[in-house]
Amino acid sequence: MSKKICFVIMGFGKKTDFSTGNTFDLNQTYKNIIQPAVVKSGYQCVRADEIQDSGLIDRSMYALLIQADLVIADISTYNPNAIYELGVRHAVKPYSTIILKENGMGKIPFDLDHTRMFTYFHLGDDIGTDEARRCVEDLSNLIVAVTDKSLIDSPLYEYIGNVTPPILPKEEYEKIIGDLADKEKHIFAIVDEAERCMDKSDFEVAYKHWEKAQNLIPNEIYFIQQAALAKYKSKLPSSNVALTDALAIILPLYPTNDPETLGITGAIYKNLYQNNNDVEYLNRAIENYGKGFKISENYYTGENYALCLNLKVPIEDNSNEKIYLKVEANKTRKKIIEILEEVITFEEFEQRNDKKWIFATLAHCYHTLEDEKSKQFEAKFLEIAVEWEAETYLNGIKTIDNLKIKL
């Protein structure tokens, strides 16, 4: 405990700002901005999921909110836990609290709209290299300025001067927090290993890690989503059983407006339909993908929504419904094109880690609409795609062409 402690308040994994429909991978904010800036400033960086004794996570959290030398709160996406914990920190500490938010975040809550905030630009799945470098430098400078001068940043202590902050005895604090250096026992380490396995497509092992993390923090939506995703992608002990098990994992999150949950559930139902040819699975895939796209306008969700609409056309008996399905599918693809054509003009586009899939999606959409621009984006995609990615793309084109014959 020799180093000063910075406690980080934020969500983790992919979270959606429902006021704007934007979804951000907050782990990228932590790994690429917050943690490097904190370490550079000479602090030990601790996020809620890194607390050693997960059985005492609430007790540990309150101790850190009272005692930590510095607290950084990222309130992007209006994460309710983060905003609540920020309120507790403002109530117990007059100074050394920094608030972060993504630049495109919707309207700030009234009680915070006059408070100084550090803003950054997020690309959705990643932070651009230049933006990460700028933020690390600026945030580390802000940390030094805030902690050296001990300026009051809590609205409570700013407006009511005679409030005395609570004191937690040092012995009690150390007893609660324990040794934060033992990373192997942290949930953070479990999640880090799970994500590494996902990147390697080792879904069976990834699922075991997500399940372990989920058991330690049962109500964390991100862990539930990833456990369901890893389970269905593992195809073990069989594809149908894995999909059914994944459905059982994710359905307790319903009812929901979370685009990530809707997208994963849509994928499960789509695969169940392809395995079993039961139209009800396809209807549910359409329902989930459609709702997810309307909320977030995510190109992956939208493309799958359009594909599922097309899949239903050959098996639909009602002629008017057939027309609707075709029109809605084409309308969705045109909307995706409109969104992505704007995205590729942004200066930050070259730094996006999903650049190749944006090219692939544009190629798919233009190909389905029989627009020659598909060849332009297909060439860009194939130029940077690895073998399995190119194969996945070409299989998708083949599926679309087979559907055109049936339509």
Protein backbone atom coordinates (compact mmCIF):
# COMPACT_ATOMS: atom_id res chain seq x y z
CA MET A 1 0.00 0.00 0.00
CA SER A 2 3.04 2.29 -0.38
CA LYS A 3 1.75 3.82 -3.63
CA LYS A 4 -1.07 6.34 -3.69
CA ILE A 5 -4.36 4.79 -4.79
CA CYS A 6 -6.58 5.95 -7.65
CA PHE A 7 -10.00 4.29 -7.63
CA VAL A 8 -11.74 4.25 -11.02
CA ILE A 9 -15.53 4.44 -11.17
CA MET A 10 -16.93 3.25 -14.50
CA GLY A 11 -18.80 0.52 -16.27
CA PHE A 12 -16.85 -2.15 -18.08
CA GLY A 13 -17.37 -3.93 -21.36
CA LYS A 14 -19.73 -2.56 -24.01
CA LYS A 15 -22.32 -0.11 -22.73
CA THR A 16 -24.88 1.98 -24.62
CA ASP A 17 -25.81 5.64 -24.11
CA PHE A 18 -29.55 5.33 -24.74
CA SER A 19 -29.93 9.09 -25.18
CA THR A 20 -27.81 8.92 -28.35
CA GLY A 21 -27.87 5.21 -29.28
CA ASN A 22 -24.03 5.10 -29.24
CA THR A 23 -22.35 1.98 -27.85
CA PHE A 24 -18.82 2.17 -26.44
CA ASP A 25 -16.36 -0.45 -25.27
CA LEU A 26 -15.45 1.13 -21.92
CA ASN A 27 -12.64 -1.37 -21.38
CA GLN A 28 -10.82 0.45 -24.19
CA THR A 29 -11.25 3.75 -22.33
CA TYR A 30 -9.75 2.18 -19.23
CA LYS A 31 -6.86 0.40 -20.94
CA ASN A 32 -5.90 3.15 -23.39
CA ILE A 33 -6.60 6.36 -21.45
CA ILE A 34 -7.31 6.06 -17.74
CA GLN A 35 -4.90 3.36 -16.59
CA PRO A 36 -1.83 4.68 -18.49
CA ALA A 37 -2.48 8.26 -17.32
CA VAL A 38 -2.91 7.16 -13.70
CA VAL A 39 0.25 5.02 -13.73
CA LYS A 40 2.20 7.82 -15.42
CA SER A 41 1.12 10.12 -12.58
CA GLY A 42 2.56 7.76 -9.96
CA TYR A 43 -0.66 6.16 -8.69
CA GLN A 44 -1.75 2.57 -8.35
CA CYS A 45 -4.85 2.22 -10.52
CA VAL A 46 -7.75 0.17 -9.13
CA ARG A 47 -11.06 -0.44 -10.88
CA ALA A 48 -14.03 -2.04 -9.11
CA ASP A 49 -13.49 -5.38 -10.89
CA GLU A 50 -9.88 -5.45 -9.68
CA ILE A 51 -10.72 -5.54 -5.98
CA GLN A 52 -9.13 -8.70 -4.61
CA ASP A 53 -11.86 -9.95 -2.30
CA SER A 54 -14.93 -9.99 -4.52
CA GLY A 55 -17.04 -11.28 -1.63
CA LEU A 56 -16.56 -7.91 0.04
CA ILE A 57 -16.77 -5.80 -3.11
CA ASP A 58 -19.40 -3.38 -1.74
CA ARG A 59 -17.50 -2.88 1.51
CA SER A 60 -14.24 -2.42 -0.36
CA MET A 61 -15.85 0.02 -2.78
CA TYR A 62 -17.11 2.31 -0.01
CA ALA A 63 -13.72 2.19 1.71
CA LEU A 64 -12.01 3.25 -1.52
CA LEU A 65 -14.55 6.00 -2.15
CA ILE A 66 -13.76 7.44 1.28
CA GLN A 67 -10.03 6.86 1.42
CA ALA A 68 -8.59 6.76 -2.11
CA ASP A 69 -6.12 9.54 -2.84
CA LEU A 70 -7.81 10.09 -6.20
CA VAL A 71 -11.06 8.98 -7.81
CA ILE A 72 -11.72 9.11 -11.56
CA ALA A 73 -15.35 8.66 -12.62
CA ASP A 74 -16.28 7.97 -16.24
CA ILE A 75 -20.00 8.72 -16.50
CA SER A 76 -20.26 8.04 -20.26
CA THR A 77 -23.44 6.11 -21.18
CA TYR A 78 -25.10 7.25 -17.92
CA ASN A 79 -23.97 4.11 -16.09
CA PRO A 80 -26.19 4.23 -12.96
CA ASN A 81 -23.60 2.57 -10.70
CA ALA A 82 -20.92 5.03 -11.76
CA ILE A 83 -23.15 8.05 -11.16
CA TYR A 84 -24.27 6.72 -7.75
CA GLU A 85 -20.67 6.03 -6.70
CA LEU A 86 -19.64 9.49 -7.89
CA GLY A 87 -22.35 10.93 -5.65
CA VAL A 88 -20.98 9.00 -2.68
CA ARG A 89 -17.46 10.25 -3.42
CA HIS A 90 -18.67 13.86 -3.62
CA ALA A 91 -20.39 13.36 -0.26
CA VAL A 92 -17.30 12.01 1.54
CA LYS A 93 -14.39 13.87 -0.11
CA PRO A 94 -14.12 17.59 -0.91
CA TYR A 95 -11.37 17.22 -3.53
CA SER A 96 -9.32 14.87 -5.77
CA THR A 97 -12.19 13.65 -7.95
CA ILE A 98 -12.07 13.85 -11.77
CA ILE A 99 -15.10 13.27 -14.00
CA LEU A 100 -14.68 11.90 -17.53
CA LYS A 101 -17.24 11.69 -20.32
CA GLU A 102 -17.26 10.75 -23.99
CA ASN A 103 -17.58 13.84 -26.18
CA GLY A 104 -20.76 12.66 -27.89
CA MET A 105 -22.57 11.88 -24.66
CA GLY A 106 -26.13 13.22 -24.51
CA LYS A 107 -27.44 15.83 -22.09
CA ILE A 108 -25.60 15.88 -18.77
CA PRO A 109 -27.73 15.29 -15.63
CA PHE A 110 -28.74 18.64 -14.09
CA ASP A 111 -26.78 18.10 -10.86
CA LEU A 112 -23.55 17.67 -12.87
CA ASP A 113 -24.01 20.00 -15.84
CA HIS A 114 -22.04 22.80 -14.14
CA THR A 115 -19.19 20.54 -13.04
CA ARG A 116 -15.81 20.51 -14.83
CA MET A 117 -15.31 17.38 -16.93
CA PHE A 118 -12.52 15.80 -18.97
CA THR A 119 -13.83 14.83 -22.42
CA TYR A 120 -12.50 12.30 -24.94
CA PHE A 121 -13.51 10.88 -28.33
CA HIS A 122 -14.40 7.18 -28.58
CA LEU A 123 -14.75 5.33 -31.88
CA GLY A 124 -17.16 2.77 -30.40
CA ASP A 125 -15.01 -0.36 -30.34
CA ASP A 126 -11.69 1.38 -29.77
CA ILE A 127 -9.88 4.63 -29.00
CA GLY A 128 -7.88 6.14 -31.86
CA THR A 129 -4.09 6.10 -31.35
CA ASP A 130 -3.71 9.88 -31.57
CA GLU A 131 -6.67 10.49 -29.27
CA ALA A 132 -5.35 7.99 -26.71
CA ARG A 133 -1.94 9.66 -26.74
CA ARG A 134 -3.48 13.13 -26.29
CA CYS A 135 -5.76 12.00 -23.49
CA VAL A 136 -3.04 10.21 -21.53
CA GLU A 137 -0.90 13.35 -21.60
CA ASP A 138 -3.73 15.76 -20.74
CA LEU A 139 -5.27 13.52 -18.08
CA SER A 140 -1.94 12.90 -16.32
CA ASN A 141 -1.35 16.67 -16.23
CA LEU A 142 -4.84 17.17 -14.80
CA ILE A 143 -4.23 14.51 -12.14
CA VAL A 144 -1.10 16.33 -10.96
CA ALA A 145 -2.89 19.70 -10.92
CA VAL A 146 -5.95 18.40 -9.07
CA THR A 147 -4.09 16.45 -6.39
CA ASP A 148 -1.28 18.94 -5.78
CA LYS A 149 -3.58 21.89 -5.16
CA SER A 150 -6.38 20.01 -3.34
CA LEU A 151 -8.98 22.25 -4.95
CA ILE A 152 -12.57 21.56 -3.93
CA ASP A 153 -14.38 19.75 -6.75
CA SER A 154 -17.34 18.32 -4.80
CA PRO A 155 -20.51 20.41 -5.27
CA LEU A 156 -21.56 19.54 -1.69
CA TYR A 157 -18.41 20.97 -0.10
CA GLU A 158 -18.36 23.88 -2.54
CA TYR A 159 -21.82 25.09 -1.56
CA ILE A 160 -21.90 24.01 2.10
CA GLY A 161 -18.64 24.91 3.76
CA ASN A 162 -19.11 23.56 7.28
CA VAL A 163 -19.49 19.85 6.41
CA THR A 164 -16.87 17.55 7.94
CA PRO A 165 -15.78 14.62 5.74
CA PRO A 166 -15.99 11.15 7.36
CA ILE A 167 -12.75 9.46 8.44
CA LEU A 168 -11.96 5.77 8.00
CA PRO A 169 -9.21 4.47 10.35
CA LYS A 170 -6.12 3.42 8.44
CA GLU A 171 -6.10 -0.07 10.01
CA GLU A 172 -9.70 -0.68 8.97
CA TYR A 173 -8.99 0.53 5.44
CA GLU A 174 -6.01 -1.79 4.99
CA LYS A 175 -7.96 -4.70 6.45
CA ILE A 176 -10.82 -4.17 3.99
CA ILE A 177 -8.76 -3.58 0.85
CA GLY A 178 -6.07 -6.20 1.40
CA ASP A 179 -3.16 -6.66 -0.93
CA LEU A 180 -4.04 -5.18 -4.31
CA ALA A 181 -0.81 -6.45 -5.89
CA ASP A 182 -2.01 -10.05 -6.27
CA LYS A 183 -3.49 -9.66 -9.73
CA GLU A 184 -4.14 -13.37 -10.23
CA LYS A 185 -7.02 -13.24 -7.75
CA HIS A 186 -8.69 -10.24 -9.34
CA ILE A 187 -11.76 -10.47 -11.50
CA PHE A 188 -9.85 -8.21 -13.88
CA ALA A 189 -7.35 -11.02 -14.53
CA ILE A 190 -10.17 -13.50 -15.20
CA VAL A 191 -11.82 -11.11 -17.66
CA ASP A 192 -8.50 -10.32 -19.35
CA GLU A 193 -7.88 -14.05 -19.92
CA ALA A 194 -11.46 -14.55 -21.16
CA GLU A 195 -11.05 -11.77 -23.73
CA ARG A 196 -7.69 -13.21 -24.83
CA CYS A 197 -9.34 -16.61 -25.42
CA MET A 198 -12.16 -14.93 -27.37
CA ASP A 199 -9.59 -13.23 -29.62
CA LYS A 200 -8.03 -16.66 -30.31
CA SER A 201 -11.49 -18.21 -30.96
CA ASP A 202 -10.94 -20.58 -28.02
CA PHE A 203 -14.58 -20.22 -27.01
CA GLU A 204 -14.77 -23.29 -24.80
CA VAL A 205 -12.07 -21.97 -22.43
CA ALA A 206 -13.37 -18.40 -22.76
CA TYR A 207 -16.80 -19.55 -21.59
CA LYS A 208 -15.31 -21.09 -18.43
CA HIS A 209 -13.64 -17.76 -17.58
CA TRP A 210 -16.81 -15.74 -18.26
CA GLU A 211 -18.81 -18.16 -16.14
CA LYS A 212 -16.31 -17.72 -13.31
CA ALA A 213 -16.52 -13.92 -13.57
CA GLN A 214 -20.31 -14.11 -13.74
CA ASN A 215 -20.44 -16.23 -10.58
CA LEU A 216 -18.30 -13.67 -8.74
CA ILE A 217 -20.41 -10.69 -9.86
CA PRO A 218 -23.78 -12.21 -10.87
CA ASN A 219 -25.52 -8.99 -11.94
CA GLU A 220 -22.87 -7.66 -14.33
CA ILE A 221 -24.59 -7.56 -17.73
CA TYR A 222 -21.32 -7.62 -19.70
CA PHE A 223 -20.25 -10.94 -18.15
CA ILE A 224 -23.66 -12.48 -18.90
CA GLN A 225 -23.55 -11.29 -22.52
CA GLN A 226 -20.04 -12.61 -23.09
CA ALA A 227 -20.80 -15.94 -21.40
CA ALA A 228 -23.77 -16.42 -23.75
CA LEU A 229 -21.67 -15.41 -26.78
CA ALA A 230 -18.81 -17.76 -25.90
CA LYS A 231 -21.19 -20.64 -25.16
CA TYR A 232 -23.03 -20.49 -28.50
CA LYS A 233 -19.83 -19.99 -30.50
CA SER A 234 -18.22 -23.00 -28.79
CA LYS A 235 -20.79 -25.32 -30.45
CA LEU A 236 -20.22 -27.76 -27.58
CA PRO A 237 -21.35 -30.41 -26.88
CA SER A 238 -23.29 -29.76 -30.12
CA SER A 239 -24.38 -26.64 -31.98
CA ASN A 240 -28.05 -26.95 -30.96
CA VAL A 241 -27.28 -27.67 -27.31
CA ALA A 242 -24.77 -24.78 -27.15
CA LEU A 243 -27.34 -22.38 -28.66
CA THR A 244 -30.04 -23.53 -26.24
CA ASP A 245 -27.65 -23.16 -23.29
CA ALA A 246 -26.64 -19.68 -24.50
CA LEU A 247 -30.29 -18.67 -24.71
CA ALA A 248 -30.82 -19.77 -21.10
CA ILE A 249 -27.86 -17.61 -20.05
CA ILE A 250 -28.98 -14.40 -21.77
CA LEU A 251 -32.79 -14.46 -21.46
CA PRO A 252 -32.77 -13.43 -17.75
CA LEU A 253 -31.64 -9.98 -19.02
CA TYR A 254 -35.05 -9.50 -20.68
CA PRO A 255 -36.98 -7.26 -21.07
CA THR A 256 -34.17 -5.09 -22.41
CA ASN A 257 -33.29 -2.19 -24.72
CA ASP A 258 -29.58 -2.99 -24.65
CA PRO A 259 -28.35 -3.32 -28.28
CA GLU A 260 -25.54 -5.74 -27.35
CA THR A 261 -27.99 -8.10 -25.62
CA LEU A 262 -30.44 -7.82 -28.52
CA GLY A 263 -27.67 -8.50 -31.06
CA ILE A 264 -26.35 -11.60 -29.29
CA THR A 265 -29.87 -12.96 -28.78
CA GLY A 266 -30.69 -12.28 -32.42
CA ALA A 267 -27.61 -14.26 -33.47
CA ILE A 268 -28.61 -17.19 -31.26
CA TYR A 269 -32.12 -17.30 -32.76
CA LYS A 270 -30.77 -16.92 -36.32
CA ASN A 271 -28.44 -19.90 -35.81
CA LEU A 272 -31.25 -21.94 -34.25
CA TYR A 273 -33.35 -21.22 -37.34
CA GLN A 274 -30.55 -22.24 -39.68
CA ASN A 275 -30.10 -25.49 -37.72
CA ASN A 276 -33.79 -26.38 -37.37
CA ASN A 277 -35.78 -24.48 -40.07
CA ASP A 278 -38.35 -23.43 -37.45
CA VAL A 279 -39.79 -20.09 -38.61
CA GLU A 280 -40.48 -18.98 -35.02
CA TYR A 281 -36.73 -18.82 -34.40
CA LEU A 282 -36.41 -16.58 -37.47
CA ASN A 283 -39.25 -14.34 -36.25
CA ARG A 284 -37.48 -13.89 -32.94
CA ALA A 285 -34.18 -13.17 -34.65
CA ILE A 286 -35.91 -10.46 -36.71
CA GLU A 287 -37.54 -9.01 -33.59
CA ASN A 288 -34.25 -8.77 -31.67
CA TYR A 289 -32.07 -7.58 -34.55
CA GLY A 290 -34.71 -5.04 -35.62
CA LYS A 291 -35.11 -3.56 -32.17
CA GLY A 292 -31.34 -3.40 -31.69
CA PHE A 293 -30.82 -1.59 -35.01
CA LYS A 294 -33.59 0.92 -34.32
CA ILE A 295 -31.97 1.77 -30.96
CA SER A 296 -28.30 1.99 -31.93
CA GLU A 297 -28.10 1.95 -35.76
CA ASN A 298 -25.20 -0.51 -35.38
CA TYR A 299 -24.20 -1.78 -38.83
CA TYR A 300 -23.66 -5.40 -37.68
CA THR A 301 -27.14 -5.60 -36.15
CA GLY A 302 -28.70 -3.84 -39.14
CA GLU A 303 -27.06 -6.11 -41.71
CA ASN A 304 -28.28 -9.21 -39.87
CA TYR A 305 -31.76 -7.71 -39.52
CA ALA A 306 -31.90 -7.19 -43.30
CA LEU A 307 -30.56 -10.70 -43.98
CA CYS A 308 -33.16 -12.30 -41.71
CA LEU A 309 -35.93 -10.35 -43.45
CA ASN A 310 -34.70 -11.74 -46.78
CA LEU A 311 -34.49 -15.26 -45.33
CA LYS A 312 -38.18 -15.06 -44.47
CA VAL A 313 -39.39 -14.00 -47.93
CA PRO A 314 -39.31 -17.50 -49.58
CA ILE A 315 -41.26 -19.08 -46.71
CA GLU A 316 -43.85 -16.30 -46.35
CA ASP A 317 -47.26 -17.10 -47.89
CA ASN A 318 -48.81 -13.63 -47.73
CA SER A 319 -47.89 -11.64 -50.87
CA ASN A 320 -48.23 -8.27 -49.15
CA GLU A 321 -45.96 -9.44 -46.34
CA LYS A 322 -43.39 -10.60 -48.91
CA ILE A 323 -43.34 -7.10 -50.39
CA TYR A 324 -42.94 -5.54 -46.94
CA LEU A 325 -40.03 -7.83 -46.05
CA LYS A 326 -38.17 -6.96 -49.27
CA VAL A 327 -38.80 -3.23 -48.92
CA GLU A 328 -37.79 -3.16 -45.24
CA ALA A 329 -34.61 -5.13 -45.96
CA ASN A 330 -33.56 -2.74 -48.75
CA LYS A 331 -34.53 0.29 -46.68
CA THR A 332 -32.33 -0.98 -43.84
CA ARG A 333 -29.35 -1.53 -46.14
CA LYS A 334 -29.71 1.97 -47.58
CA LYS A 335 -29.71 3.35 -44.04
CA ILE A 336 -26.56 1.35 -43.20
CA ILE A 337 -24.87 2.70 -46.34
CA GLU A 338 -25.84 6.25 -45.38
CA ILE A 339 -24.36 5.80 -41.90
CA LEU A 340 -21.13 4.10 -42.99
CA GLU A 341 -20.46 6.36 -45.98
CA GLU A 342 -20.35 9.21 -43.47
CA VAL A 343 -18.19 7.22 -41.03
CA ILE A 344 -15.47 6.58 -43.63
CA THR A 345 -15.08 10.33 -44.19
CA PHE A 346 -14.09 10.97 -40.56
CA GLU A 347 -10.45 11.72 -39.83
CA GLU A 348 -10.43 9.04 -37.11
CA PHE A 349 -11.67 6.30 -39.49
CA GLU A 350 -8.18 5.02 -40.38
CA GLN A 351 -7.58 4.26 -36.69
CA ARG A 352 -10.71 2.14 -36.22
CA ASN A 353 -10.07 -1.53 -35.51
CA ASP A 354 -13.30 -2.50 -37.32
CA LYS A 355 -12.33 -0.72 -40.55
CA LYS A 356 -12.20 -3.92 -42.60
CA TRP A 357 -15.68 -4.99 -41.46
CA ILE A 358 -17.09 -1.59 -42.42
CA PHE A 359 -15.71 -2.16 -45.92
CA ALA A 360 -17.20 -5.68 -45.92
CA THR A 361 -20.61 -4.41 -44.79
CA LEU A 362 -20.68 -1.69 -47.45
CA ALA A 363 -19.70 -4.28 -50.08
CA HIS A 364 -22.48 -6.63 -48.89
CA CYS A 365 -25.11 -3.90 -48.86
CA TYR A 366 -24.18 -2.51 -52.28
CA HIS A 367 -23.99 -6.04 -53.73
CA THR A 368 -27.49 -6.88 -52.50
CA LEU A 369 -28.80 -3.60 -53.94
CA GLU A 370 -26.98 -4.45 -57.22
CA ASP A 371 -24.83 -1.33 -57.08
CA GLU A 372 -21.39 -1.42 -58.76
CA LYS A 373 -19.84 0.35 -55.76
CA SER A 374 -19.80 -3.08 -54.09
CA LYS A 375 -16.66 -3.99 -56.07
CA GLN A 376 -14.83 -0.92 -54.78
CA PHE A 377 -15.41 -1.81 -51.12
CA GLU A 378 -14.89 -5.53 -51.70
CA ALA A 379 -11.41 -4.79 -53.06
CA LYS A 380 -10.60 -2.63 -50.03
CA PHE A 381 -11.78 -5.38 -47.69
CA LEU A 382 -9.95 -8.24 -49.41
CA GLU A 383 -6.75 -6.18 -49.46
CA ILE A 384 -6.54 -6.18 -45.64
CA ALA A 385 -8.51 -9.31 -44.71
CA VAL A 386 -6.85 -12.54 -43.57
CA GLU A 387 -7.86 -15.85 -45.15
CA TRP A 388 -10.68 -16.82 -42.76
CA GLU A 389 -12.14 -13.30 -42.89
CA ALA A 390 -12.16 -13.35 -46.70
CA GLU A 391 -13.81 -16.79 -46.62
CA THR A 392 -16.50 -15.54 -44.20
CA TYR A 393 -17.18 -12.56 -46.45
CA LEU A 394 -17.43 -14.64 -49.64
CA ASN A 395 -19.76 -17.14 -47.93
CA GLY A 396 -21.98 -14.19 -47.04
CA ILE A 397 -22.03 -13.05 -50.67
CA LYS A 398 -22.93 -16.61 -51.72
CA THR A 399 -25.83 -16.64 -49.21
CA ILE A 400 -27.11 -13.35 -50.63
CA ASP A 401 -26.88 -14.63 -54.23
CA ASN A 402 -28.73 -17.84 -53.33
CA LEU A 403 -31.44 -15.77 -51.69
CA LYS A 404 -31.76 -13.61 -54.81
CA ILE A 405 -32.55 -16.73 -56.84
CA LYS A 406 -35.31 -17.69 -54.38
CA LEU A 407 -36.67 -14.15 -54.26
